[in-house]
N, C-alpha and C. Protein backbone atom coordinates (compact mmCIF):
# COMPACT_ATOMS: atom_id res chain seq x y z
N MET A 1 119.40 177.67 46.54
CA MET A 1 119.61 176.13 46.85
C MET A 1 118.55 176.15 47.93
N SER A 2 117.89 174.78 48.85
CA SER A 2 117.03 175.26 49.41
C SER A 2 117.57 174.26 50.70
N ALA A 3 116.94 174.26 51.44
CA ALA A 3 117.48 173.96 52.97
C ALA A 3 116.71 172.87 53.31
N VAL A 4 117.76 171.78 53.15
CA VAL A 4 116.85 170.62 53.20
C VAL A 4 117.08 169.90 54.82
N ARG A 5 116.07 168.81 55.27
CA ARG A 5 116.47 168.28 56.45
C ARG A 5 117.03 167.18 56.09
N PHE A 6 118.45 166.81 56.97
CA PHE A 6 118.94 165.50 56.45
C PHE A 6 118.36 164.33 57.82
N CYS A 7 118.19 163.23 57.29
CA CYS A 7 117.86 162.36 58.05
C CYS A 7 118.30 161.20 57.50
N ASP A 8 118.16 159.74 58.05
CA ASP A 8 118.59 158.26 57.81
C ASP A 8 119.83 158.37 57.81
N ARG A 9 120.46 159.06 59.44
CA ARG A 9 121.98 159.03 59.61
C ARG A 9 122.46 157.59 59.94
N LEU A 10 123.16 157.22 58.81
CA LEU A 10 124.15 155.67 59.41
C LEU A 10 125.32 156.45 59.31
N ASP A 11 126.14 154.77 59.63
CA ASP A 11 127.42 155.22 59.81
C ASP A 11 128.37 154.90 57.97
N PHE A 12 126.94 154.53 57.56
CA PHE A 12 127.50 154.19 55.79
C PHE A 12 126.99 155.16 54.64
N ALA A 13 125.66 155.84 55.78
CA ALA A 13 124.77 156.52 54.57
C ALA A 13 123.87 157.77 55.39
N ILE A 14 123.38 158.75 54.27
CA ILE A 14 122.91 159.69 54.58
C ILE A 14 121.43 160.01 53.89
N GLY A 15 120.62 160.65 54.20
CA GLY A 15 119.56 161.19 53.72
C GLY A 15 119.49 162.51 53.67
N TRP A 16 118.42 163.06 53.31
CA TRP A 16 118.12 164.09 52.89
C TRP A 16 116.93 164.67 52.64
N ILE A 17 115.77 165.51 52.94
CA ILE A 17 114.43 165.64 52.58
C ILE A 17 114.44 167.17 51.82
N HIS A 18 113.70 167.59 50.57
CA HIS A 18 113.71 168.67 50.15
C HIS A 18 112.32 168.99 51.17
N PRO A 19 112.20 170.78 51.15
CA PRO A 19 111.11 171.06 51.93
C PRO A 19 109.93 171.49 50.60
N ASP A 20 110.30 171.30 49.42
CA ASP A 20 109.01 171.37 48.60
C ASP A 20 108.86 170.31 47.80
N PRO A 21 107.40 170.06 47.01
CA PRO A 21 106.14 170.59 48.15
C PRO A 21 106.53 169.59 49.53
N ALA A 22 105.85 170.05 50.73
CA ALA A 22 106.11 169.56 51.59
C ALA A 22 105.50 168.36 51.35
N TRP A 23 104.51 167.62 50.97
CA TRP A 23 103.50 166.60 50.78
C TRP A 23 104.07 165.45 50.46
N MET A 24 104.70 166.29 49.71
CA MET A 24 105.62 164.67 48.74
C MET A 24 107.37 164.61 49.64
N ALA A 25 107.78 165.24 50.72
CA ALA A 25 108.93 164.55 51.48
C ALA A 25 110.05 163.82 50.38
N ARG A 26 110.71 164.88 49.62
CA ARG A 26 111.13 164.23 48.44
C ARG A 26 113.07 163.87 48.98
N ALA A 27 113.06 162.73 49.18
CA ALA A 27 114.43 162.37 49.59
C ALA A 27 115.18 161.95 48.91
N GLY A 28 116.70 162.23 49.04
CA GLY A 28 117.69 161.73 48.64
C GLY A 28 118.53 161.02 49.20
N HIS A 29 119.62 160.22 48.84
CA HIS A 29 120.41 159.31 49.80
C HIS A 29 121.87 159.25 49.10
N ALA A 30 122.95 159.19 50.03
CA ALA A 30 124.31 158.38 49.81
C ALA A 30 124.49 157.50 50.06
N VAL A 31 124.65 156.23 49.70
CA VAL A 31 125.45 155.08 50.54
C VAL A 31 126.92 155.00 50.18
N ARG A 32 127.41 154.61 50.93
CA ARG A 32 128.60 154.40 51.12
C ARG A 32 128.83 152.57 50.74
N SER A 33 129.59 152.09 50.13
CA SER A 33 129.90 150.83 49.79
C SER A 33 130.51 150.48 48.75
N GLY A 34 131.71 149.10 49.33
CA GLY A 34 132.23 148.77 47.97
C GLY A 34 133.25 149.99 47.98
N GLY A 35 133.85 150.73 48.67
CA GLY A 35 134.76 151.82 48.35
C GLY A 35 134.44 152.73 47.94
N GLY A 36 133.27 153.24 47.37
CA GLY A 36 132.82 154.28 46.99
C GLY A 36 131.04 154.61 48.00
N VAL A 37 131.09 155.73 47.52
CA VAL A 37 129.54 156.31 47.73
C VAL A 37 128.85 156.75 46.61
N TRP A 38 127.55 155.62 46.72
CA TRP A 38 126.79 156.00 45.59
C TRP A 38 125.58 156.87 45.97
N VAL A 39 124.98 157.73 45.02
CA VAL A 39 124.20 159.40 45.20
C VAL A 39 122.64 158.38 44.73
N ILE A 40 121.98 158.35 45.06
CA ILE A 40 120.65 157.94 44.50
C ILE A 40 119.15 158.45 44.51
N ASP A 41 118.71 158.84 43.15
CA ASP A 41 117.78 160.15 43.44
C ASP A 41 117.71 161.64 43.90
N PRO A 42 119.11 162.31 43.73
CA PRO A 42 119.25 163.26 45.41
C PRO A 42 118.38 164.81 44.45
N PRO A 43 117.64 165.62 45.46
CA PRO A 43 117.40 166.86 45.05
C PRO A 43 118.23 167.52 45.59
N ASP A 44 118.78 168.77 44.61
CA ASP A 44 119.78 169.60 45.42
C ASP A 44 119.07 170.49 46.63
N GLY A 45 120.27 171.02 47.56
CA GLY A 45 120.14 171.46 48.48
C GLY A 45 121.38 172.08 49.33
N ASP A 46 120.99 173.18 50.14
CA ASP A 46 122.29 173.84 51.04
C ASP A 46 122.93 172.39 51.54
N GLY A 47 124.49 172.15 51.39
CA GLY A 47 124.99 171.33 52.54
C GLY A 47 125.04 169.95 52.10
N VAL A 48 124.34 169.69 50.55
CA VAL A 48 124.24 168.56 50.36
C VAL A 48 125.93 167.72 49.51
N GLU A 49 126.40 168.88 48.70
CA GLU A 49 127.12 167.61 47.80
C GLU A 49 128.47 167.76 49.20
N GLU A 50 128.29 168.26 50.05
CA GLU A 50 129.43 168.28 51.27
C GLU A 50 129.32 167.54 51.82
N ARG A 51 128.30 166.78 52.14
CA ARG A 51 127.73 165.77 53.16
C ARG A 51 127.89 164.56 52.65
N ILE A 52 128.10 164.63 51.34
CA ILE A 52 128.11 163.69 50.15
C ILE A 52 129.65 163.16 50.09
N ARG A 53 130.67 164.23 50.53
CA ARG A 53 131.87 164.32 49.72
C ARG A 53 132.43 163.61 51.42
N ALA A 54 132.07 164.25 52.68
CA ALA A 54 132.26 163.68 53.70
C ALA A 54 132.36 162.20 54.06
N LEU A 55 131.65 161.69 53.37
CA LEU A 55 130.99 160.19 53.79
C LEU A 55 132.19 159.30 53.03
N GLY A 56 132.86 159.91 51.48
CA GLY A 56 133.85 158.99 51.17
C GLY A 56 133.86 159.30 49.92
N GLU A 57 134.30 158.72 49.24
CA GLU A 57 134.91 158.97 47.08
C GLU A 57 133.56 158.95 46.57
N PRO A 58 133.13 159.57 45.85
CA PRO A 58 131.73 159.55 45.47
C PRO A 58 131.86 158.65 43.89
N ALA A 59 131.01 157.39 43.62
CA ALA A 59 131.19 156.26 42.59
C ALA A 59 130.27 156.68 41.70
N GLY A 60 129.07 157.00 41.79
CA GLY A 60 128.32 157.22 40.93
C GLY A 60 126.73 158.29 41.40
N VAL A 61 126.27 158.14 40.41
CA VAL A 61 124.37 158.64 40.71
C VAL A 61 123.67 158.30 40.03
N VAL A 62 122.38 157.61 40.33
CA VAL A 62 121.47 156.55 40.05
C VAL A 62 119.90 157.15 40.10
N GLN A 63 119.35 157.24 38.93
CA GLN A 63 118.08 157.46 38.91
C GLN A 63 117.26 156.40 38.94
N LEU A 64 116.24 156.32 39.97
CA LEU A 64 115.54 155.11 39.58
C LEU A 64 114.29 155.27 39.42
N LEU A 65 113.65 156.26 38.86
CA LEU A 65 111.91 156.66 38.41
C LEU A 65 112.81 157.18 37.21
N ASP A 66 111.56 156.71 36.25
CA ASP A 66 111.65 157.69 35.04
C ASP A 66 111.50 158.77 34.64
N ARG A 67 110.33 159.69 35.65
CA ARG A 67 109.69 160.35 35.44
C ARG A 67 110.43 161.39 36.37
N HIS A 68 110.87 161.36 37.04
CA HIS A 68 111.52 162.57 38.07
C HIS A 68 113.02 161.72 38.08
N PRO A 69 113.97 163.01 37.48
CA PRO A 69 115.23 163.11 37.64
C PRO A 69 115.93 164.08 38.10
N ARG A 70 114.70 164.31 39.41
CA ARG A 70 115.54 165.60 40.42
C ARG A 70 116.86 166.34 39.38
N ASP A 71 117.65 166.23 40.42
CA ASP A 71 118.90 166.92 40.60
C ASP A 71 120.29 166.08 39.84
N CYS A 72 119.75 164.77 39.35
CA CYS A 72 120.63 163.59 39.17
C CYS A 72 121.87 164.33 38.12
N ALA A 73 121.80 164.71 36.83
CA ALA A 73 122.35 164.95 36.00
C ALA A 73 123.17 166.07 36.96
N VAL A 74 122.77 167.00 37.10
CA VAL A 74 123.46 168.22 37.99
C VAL A 74 124.06 167.76 39.31
N MET A 75 124.13 166.71 39.93
CA MET A 75 124.53 166.53 41.17
C MET A 75 125.99 165.30 40.70
N ALA A 76 125.75 164.32 39.36
CA ALA A 76 126.92 163.77 38.91
C ALA A 76 128.38 164.47 38.24
N ARG A 77 127.84 165.68 37.54
CA ARG A 77 128.51 166.68 36.97
C ARG A 77 129.44 167.41 37.80
N ARG A 78 128.39 167.65 39.07
CA ARG A 78 129.36 168.29 40.23
C ARG A 78 130.08 167.33 41.12
N LEU A 79 129.94 166.35 40.78
CA LEU A 79 130.89 165.10 41.82
C LEU A 79 131.64 164.48 40.69
N GLY A 80 131.33 164.83 39.41
CA GLY A 80 132.59 164.20 38.50
C GLY A 80 132.49 162.24 38.32
N VAL A 81 131.27 162.30 38.47
CA VAL A 81 131.05 161.00 38.37
C VAL A 81 129.92 160.59 37.27
N ASP A 82 129.73 159.04 36.81
CA ASP A 82 128.68 158.92 35.63
C ASP A 82 126.77 159.18 36.61
N LEU A 83 126.32 159.13 35.89
CA LEU A 83 124.65 159.00 36.06
C LEU A 83 124.62 158.00 35.23
N HIS A 84 124.06 157.07 36.15
CA HIS A 84 123.09 155.88 35.57
C HIS A 84 121.49 155.95 36.03
N VAL A 85 121.03 156.21 34.48
CA VAL A 85 119.53 156.03 34.44
C VAL A 85 118.77 154.85 34.55
N LEU A 86 117.96 154.28 35.19
CA LEU A 86 117.17 153.25 35.09
C LEU A 86 118.26 152.39 34.84
N PRO A 87 119.14 151.44 35.44
CA PRO A 87 120.28 150.77 35.79
C PRO A 87 119.57 149.45 35.41
N PHE A 88 118.84 148.87 34.65
CA PHE A 88 117.93 147.48 35.14
C PHE A 88 119.28 146.37 34.28
N GLY A 89 119.85 146.63 33.81
CA GLY A 89 120.97 145.76 33.40
C GLY A 89 121.98 145.34 34.33
N GLY A 90 121.95 146.22 35.74
CA GLY A 90 123.29 146.22 36.30
C GLY A 90 124.23 147.26 36.14
N VAL A 91 124.86 147.87 36.89
CA VAL A 91 126.05 148.79 36.87
C VAL A 91 127.45 148.09 37.00
N ASP A 92 128.41 147.84 36.48
CA ASP A 92 129.85 147.04 36.25
C ASP A 92 130.35 147.61 37.90
N GLY A 93 130.93 145.96 38.40
CA GLY A 93 131.56 146.56 39.23
C GLY A 93 130.46 147.36 40.84
N ALA A 94 129.46 147.09 40.90
CA ALA A 94 129.02 148.35 41.54
C ALA A 94 128.47 147.06 43.10
N PRO A 95 128.25 147.58 44.05
CA PRO A 95 128.19 146.81 45.31
C PRO A 95 126.89 146.68 45.63
N PHE A 96 125.82 147.32 44.44
CA PHE A 96 124.55 146.85 44.78
C PHE A 96 123.69 145.97 43.70
N ASP A 97 122.59 145.02 43.56
CA ASP A 97 121.83 144.52 42.89
C ASP A 97 120.48 145.47 42.45
N VAL A 98 120.80 145.89 41.15
CA VAL A 98 119.32 146.30 40.59
C VAL A 98 117.57 145.34 40.07
N VAL A 99 116.76 146.02 41.21
CA VAL A 99 116.07 145.15 41.24
C VAL A 99 115.04 145.64 40.49
N SER A 100 114.11 144.92 39.69
CA SER A 100 113.19 145.80 38.66
C SER A 100 112.08 145.85 39.05
N VAL A 101 111.58 147.07 39.52
CA VAL A 101 110.29 147.15 40.13
C VAL A 101 109.20 147.38 39.57
N VAL A 102 108.84 148.31 38.73
CA VAL A 102 108.11 148.39 37.49
C VAL A 102 108.34 148.30 36.39
N ARG A 103 107.78 147.82 35.40
CA ARG A 103 108.37 148.05 33.66
C ARG A 103 107.15 148.05 32.98
N ARG A 104 106.59 149.62 33.01
CA ARG A 104 105.25 149.64 32.16
C ARG A 104 105.47 150.73 31.26
N TRP A 105 104.39 150.85 30.98
CA TRP A 105 104.30 152.06 29.65
C TRP A 105 103.99 152.77 30.73
N ARG A 106 104.76 154.65 30.76
CA ARG A 106 105.06 155.14 31.21
C ARG A 106 105.19 155.30 32.94
N TRP A 107 106.00 154.09 33.11
CA TRP A 107 106.47 153.55 34.47
C TRP A 107 107.51 153.20 34.57
N GLN A 108 108.60 153.52 34.36
CA GLN A 108 109.80 152.31 34.95
C GLN A 108 110.20 152.49 36.09
N GLU A 109 110.47 151.54 37.05
CA GLU A 109 110.91 151.93 38.30
C GLU A 109 112.04 151.26 38.84
N ALA A 110 113.07 151.15 39.13
CA ALA A 110 113.76 150.35 39.61
C ALA A 110 114.24 150.44 40.91
N ALA A 111 114.75 149.63 42.19
CA ALA A 111 115.13 149.79 43.69
C ALA A 111 116.63 149.32 43.30
N LEU A 112 117.62 149.78 44.48
CA LEU A 112 118.89 149.09 44.70
C LEU A 112 118.82 148.30 45.86
N TRP A 113 119.26 147.13 46.09
CA TRP A 113 119.71 146.08 47.28
C TRP A 113 121.06 146.11 47.34
N PHE A 114 121.45 146.74 48.18
CA PHE A 114 123.07 146.88 49.12
C PHE A 114 123.28 145.63 50.05
N PRO A 115 123.39 144.32 49.28
CA PRO A 115 123.12 143.23 50.59
C PRO A 115 124.73 143.23 51.61
N ALA A 116 125.80 143.98 51.38
CA ALA A 116 126.56 144.03 51.87
C ALA A 116 125.90 144.94 53.25
N GLU A 117 125.17 145.71 53.13
CA GLU A 117 124.58 146.96 54.26
C GLU A 117 123.73 146.19 54.76
N ARG A 118 122.41 145.64 53.96
CA ARG A 118 121.12 144.94 54.46
C ARG A 118 120.79 145.97 54.14
N THR A 119 120.73 146.83 52.75
CA THR A 119 119.55 148.10 52.73
C THR A 119 119.01 147.92 51.15
N LEU A 120 117.76 148.46 51.34
CA LEU A 120 116.74 148.29 50.23
C LEU A 120 116.53 150.12 49.67
N VAL A 121 116.89 150.27 48.67
CA VAL A 121 116.52 151.62 48.41
C VAL A 121 115.51 151.86 47.55
N CYS A 122 114.56 152.69 47.92
CA CYS A 122 113.27 152.60 46.44
C CYS A 122 112.64 153.78 46.58
N ALA A 123 112.30 154.10 45.05
CA ALA A 123 112.04 154.95 44.38
C ALA A 123 110.66 155.78 45.15
N ASP A 124 109.48 155.25 44.33
CA ASP A 124 107.83 155.29 44.47
C ASP A 124 107.14 154.20 44.86
N ALA A 125 107.21 153.29 45.01
CA ALA A 125 106.96 152.03 45.00
C ALA A 125 106.03 151.46 46.95
N LEU A 126 107.37 152.27 47.45
CA LEU A 126 106.92 152.40 48.77
C LEU A 126 107.47 153.67 49.18
N ALA A 127 106.62 154.36 50.18
CA ALA A 127 106.92 155.72 50.48
C ALA A 127 106.36 155.93 51.94
N ASN A 128 106.82 157.25 52.81
CA ASN A 128 106.45 156.95 54.10
C ASN A 128 106.39 158.90 54.14
N ALA A 129 105.88 159.64 53.55
CA ALA A 129 105.10 160.74 53.26
C ALA A 129 103.74 160.53 52.97
N PRO A 130 102.92 162.21 53.10
CA PRO A 130 101.91 162.55 53.98
C PRO A 130 100.94 161.75 52.38
N GLY A 131 101.52 162.37 51.35
CA GLY A 131 100.95 162.35 49.92
C GLY A 131 100.56 160.75 49.14
N TYR A 132 101.14 160.02 50.21
CA TYR A 132 101.20 158.70 49.44
C TYR A 132 101.06 157.15 50.63
N SER A 133 101.11 157.48 51.92
CA SER A 133 101.25 156.50 52.76
C SER A 133 99.52 156.56 53.62
N ALA A 134 99.15 155.63 54.13
CA ALA A 134 97.71 155.86 54.74
C ALA A 134 97.92 156.09 56.29
N PRO A 135 97.26 156.95 57.09
CA PRO A 135 97.80 157.17 58.55
C PRO A 135 98.19 156.14 59.27
N GLU A 136 97.66 154.63 59.33
CA GLU A 136 97.86 153.51 59.74
C GLU A 136 99.34 153.06 59.51
N GLU A 137 99.88 153.86 58.27
CA GLU A 137 100.80 152.82 57.66
C GLU A 137 102.27 153.43 58.48
N ALA A 138 103.47 152.85 58.49
CA ALA A 138 104.58 153.01 58.97
C ALA A 138 105.26 153.30 57.38
N VAL A 139 104.93 152.24 56.24
CA VAL A 139 105.30 152.69 55.19
C VAL A 139 104.03 152.20 54.13
N GLY A 140 103.87 153.22 52.93
CA GLY A 140 102.66 152.67 52.44
C GLY A 140 103.17 152.43 50.78
N VAL A 141 102.51 151.54 49.89
CA VAL A 141 102.63 151.22 48.58
C VAL A 141 101.82 152.66 47.88
N HIS A 142 102.90 152.84 46.98
CA HIS A 142 101.80 154.16 46.08
C HIS A 142 100.42 153.72 45.99
N PRO A 143 99.96 155.01 45.66
CA PRO A 143 98.33 154.61 45.82
C PRO A 143 97.90 154.01 44.33
N MET A 144 99.30 154.53 43.26
CA MET A 144 98.91 153.74 41.96
C MET A 144 99.28 152.42 42.00
N LEU A 145 100.22 151.88 42.67
CA LEU A 145 100.67 150.76 42.37
C LEU A 145 100.00 149.40 43.30
N ARG A 146 98.29 149.69 44.02
CA ARG A 146 98.19 148.98 45.49
C ARG A 146 97.46 147.84 44.65
N VAL A 147 96.90 147.86 43.55
CA VAL A 147 95.92 146.63 42.62
C VAL A 147 97.19 145.78 42.49
N LEU A 148 98.21 146.19 41.87
CA LEU A 148 98.98 145.30 41.45
C LEU A 148 100.41 145.68 42.16
N ALA A 149 100.65 145.31 43.61
CA ALA A 149 101.46 145.70 44.35
C ALA A 149 102.98 144.98 43.57
N PRO A 150 104.02 145.72 43.69
CA PRO A 150 105.06 144.50 43.69
C PRO A 150 105.92 143.97 44.22
N ARG A 151 105.40 143.21 44.61
CA ARG A 151 105.88 142.34 45.76
C ARG A 151 107.15 141.89 46.04
N VAL A 152 107.96 142.16 44.74
CA VAL A 152 109.47 141.48 44.65
C VAL A 152 110.20 142.48 46.02
N LEU A 153 109.50 143.42 46.21
CA LEU A 153 110.10 144.35 47.50
C LEU A 153 109.95 143.26 48.59
N THR A 154 109.32 142.55 48.65
CA THR A 154 109.28 141.60 50.27
C THR A 154 110.44 140.54 50.29
N THR A 155 110.87 140.26 49.26
CA THR A 155 112.42 139.62 49.10
C THR A 155 113.59 139.64 49.36
N PHE A 156 113.59 140.89 49.94
CA PHE A 156 115.32 141.33 50.53
C PHE A 156 114.93 141.79 52.32
N PRO A 157 115.57 140.56 52.92
CA PRO A 157 115.95 140.45 54.46
C PRO A 157 116.29 142.00 54.49
N ALA A 158 116.23 143.64 54.33
CA ALA A 158 116.67 144.47 54.83
C ALA A 158 116.47 144.89 56.16
N GLU A 159 117.20 145.30 56.51
CA GLU A 159 117.36 146.13 58.12
C GLU A 159 117.53 147.35 57.82
N HIS A 160 117.74 147.92 56.71
CA HIS A 160 117.45 149.63 56.45
C HIS A 160 116.63 149.51 55.25
N LEU A 161 115.28 150.29 54.95
CA LEU A 161 115.00 150.73 54.19
C LEU A 161 115.14 152.22 54.14
N LEU A 162 115.10 153.13 52.51
CA LEU A 162 115.82 154.03 52.38
C LEU A 162 114.49 154.47 51.67
N LEU A 163 113.74 155.74 51.43
CA LEU A 163 112.85 155.66 50.58
C LEU A 163 112.92 157.17 49.80
N GLY A 164 112.47 157.58 48.48
CA GLY A 164 112.58 158.25 47.96
C GLY A 164 111.24 159.77 48.35
N HIS A 165 110.63 159.46 49.36
CA HIS A 165 109.75 159.83 49.65
C HIS A 165 109.31 159.34 51.57
N GLY A 166 110.01 160.83 51.72
CA GLY A 166 109.94 160.48 53.34
C GLY A 166 111.34 159.88 54.20
N GLU A 167 111.14 159.62 55.30
CA GLU A 167 112.28 159.12 56.30
C GLU A 167 112.10 157.69 56.12
N GLY A 168 113.39 156.84 56.09
CA GLY A 168 113.83 156.17 56.17
C GLY A 168 113.48 155.12 57.61
N LEU A 169 113.24 153.48 57.47
CA LEU A 169 113.07 152.83 58.25
C LEU A 169 114.45 152.29 58.81
N HIS A 170 114.40 151.57 59.99
CA HIS A 170 115.47 150.80 60.18
C HIS A 170 115.65 149.80 60.80
N GLY A 171 116.40 148.61 61.86
CA GLY A 171 116.46 147.95 62.53
C GLY A 171 115.52 146.73 62.07
N PRO A 172 115.16 146.44 62.83
CA PRO A 172 113.72 144.93 62.64
C PRO A 172 112.57 145.83 61.91
N GLN A 173 112.28 146.75 62.50
CA GLN A 173 110.68 147.50 62.21
C GLN A 173 111.04 147.54 60.46
N ALA A 174 112.24 147.70 59.73
CA ALA A 174 112.04 148.19 58.45
C ALA A 174 111.76 146.88 57.42
N LYS A 175 112.09 145.14 57.53
CA LYS A 175 111.38 144.61 57.27
C LYS A 175 109.69 143.88 57.21
N ALA A 176 110.01 144.43 58.80
CA ALA A 176 108.16 144.33 59.22
C ALA A 176 107.43 145.76 58.61
N ALA A 177 107.88 146.61 58.61
CA ALA A 177 107.13 147.49 57.92
C ALA A 177 106.82 147.15 56.31
N ILE A 178 107.47 146.86 55.47
CA ILE A 178 107.46 146.17 54.65
C ILE A 178 106.82 145.56 54.05
N ASP A 179 106.81 144.31 54.47
CA ASP A 179 105.79 143.06 54.85
C ASP A 179 104.58 143.77 54.58
N ALA A 180 104.22 144.51 55.89
CA ALA A 180 102.83 145.16 56.70
C ALA A 180 102.31 145.76 55.29
N ALA A 181 103.48 146.78 54.36
CA ALA A 181 102.98 147.52 53.53
C ALA A 181 102.22 146.62 52.48
N PHE A 182 102.52 145.35 52.02
CA PHE A 182 101.77 144.59 51.07
C PHE A 182 100.85 143.45 51.45
N ASP A 183 100.79 143.61 52.90
CA ASP A 183 99.62 142.82 53.40
C ASP A 183 97.75 143.41 53.24
N GLY A 184 97.43 143.28 52.30
CA GLY A 184 96.19 144.13 51.90
C GLY A 184 95.95 145.60 51.68
N PRO A 185 97.70 146.31 50.58
CA PRO A 185 97.07 147.62 50.30
C PRO A 185 96.42 148.44 49.89
N VAL A 186 95.60 147.44 48.64
CA VAL A 186 94.24 147.97 48.58
C VAL A 186 92.97 147.89 49.37
N ARG A 187 93.04 147.38 50.39
CA ARG A 187 92.18 147.32 52.06
C ARG A 187 92.22 149.04 52.45
N ARG A 188 93.21 149.28 52.30
CA ARG A 188 93.85 151.03 53.05
C ARG A 188 93.54 152.01 52.18
N LEU A 189 93.39 151.32 50.88
CA LEU A 189 93.21 153.11 49.86
C LEU A 189 92.05 153.65 50.02
N PRO A 190 90.69 153.16 51.13
CA PRO A 190 89.41 154.41 51.81
C PRO A 190 90.50 155.47 52.47
N ALA A 191 91.36 154.79 53.25
CA ALA A 191 91.78 155.40 54.45
C ALA A 191 92.95 156.56 53.94
N TRP A 192 93.30 156.08 52.94
CA TRP A 192 94.36 157.56 51.90
C TRP A 192 93.70 158.11 51.35
N GLY A 193 92.39 157.80 50.86
CA GLY A 193 91.86 158.56 50.08
C GLY A 193 91.03 159.92 51.18
N ILE A 194 91.12 159.70 52.06
CA ILE A 194 90.04 160.41 53.75
C ILE A 194 91.59 161.17 53.88
N ALA A 195 92.79 160.69 53.80
CA ALA A 195 93.62 161.46 54.78
C ALA A 195 93.74 162.34 53.73
N GLN A 196 93.92 162.41 52.48
CA GLN A 196 94.52 163.02 51.12
C GLN A 196 93.58 164.20 51.04
N ALA A 197 92.28 163.80 51.12
CA ALA A 197 90.79 164.96 50.99
C ALA A 197 90.98 165.78 52.17
N ARG A 198 91.49 165.57 53.47
CA ARG A 198 91.49 166.08 54.55
C ARG A 198 93.03 167.37 54.50
N ARG A 199 94.20 167.02 53.79
CA ARG A 199 94.69 167.29 53.85
C ARG A 199 94.65 168.97 52.75
N VAL A 200 94.38 168.32 51.97
CA VAL A 200 93.99 169.39 50.55
C VAL A 200 93.08 170.23 51.23
N LEU A 201 91.95 170.01 51.91
CA LEU A 201 91.15 171.00 52.38
C LEU A 201 91.65 171.74 53.54
N ALA A 202 92.61 171.25 54.48
CA ALA A 202 92.61 172.04 55.55
C ALA A 202 93.52 173.15 55.32
């Protein structure tokens, strides 16, 4: 297993970032809500299962993006819970709402909204990682979604934003960063492109 870096430490949640590849900053999360712990897009790593179980009784694993299963199936088997892949129709009894973010050929993506915790969990549509956001962005819209950005994500009064790539944002800055990300995302594409060229050539 890999030595992951833990982040987004909250009373009810925890996140961790896989070291490989560094530019993607692949992050998974566990959120305790409604009496159980929901694990979202987990990459496996040292101490991950132990941290999940320390948070509470596992309730399920959720995969939010069609093209990256990560270690969802492995983690579901290990925890002894169901795996919910792109549950656009919702999950019976779950404490979250499933948000339809992208429904396109070769790109199916959902997000989760935990209303009691005011927590929005995203897969790829929003990110805070070197390969995804422009240098001036606290969080950025995925480069391939900037022209037709999924603005549904701006409708939630999020106090916590958990991301599939990079560390999350917490407090008033979470909602402010989401709104800023959708304020002219195409305009910041050149800055993103320059940053990627520098990263590759470095």
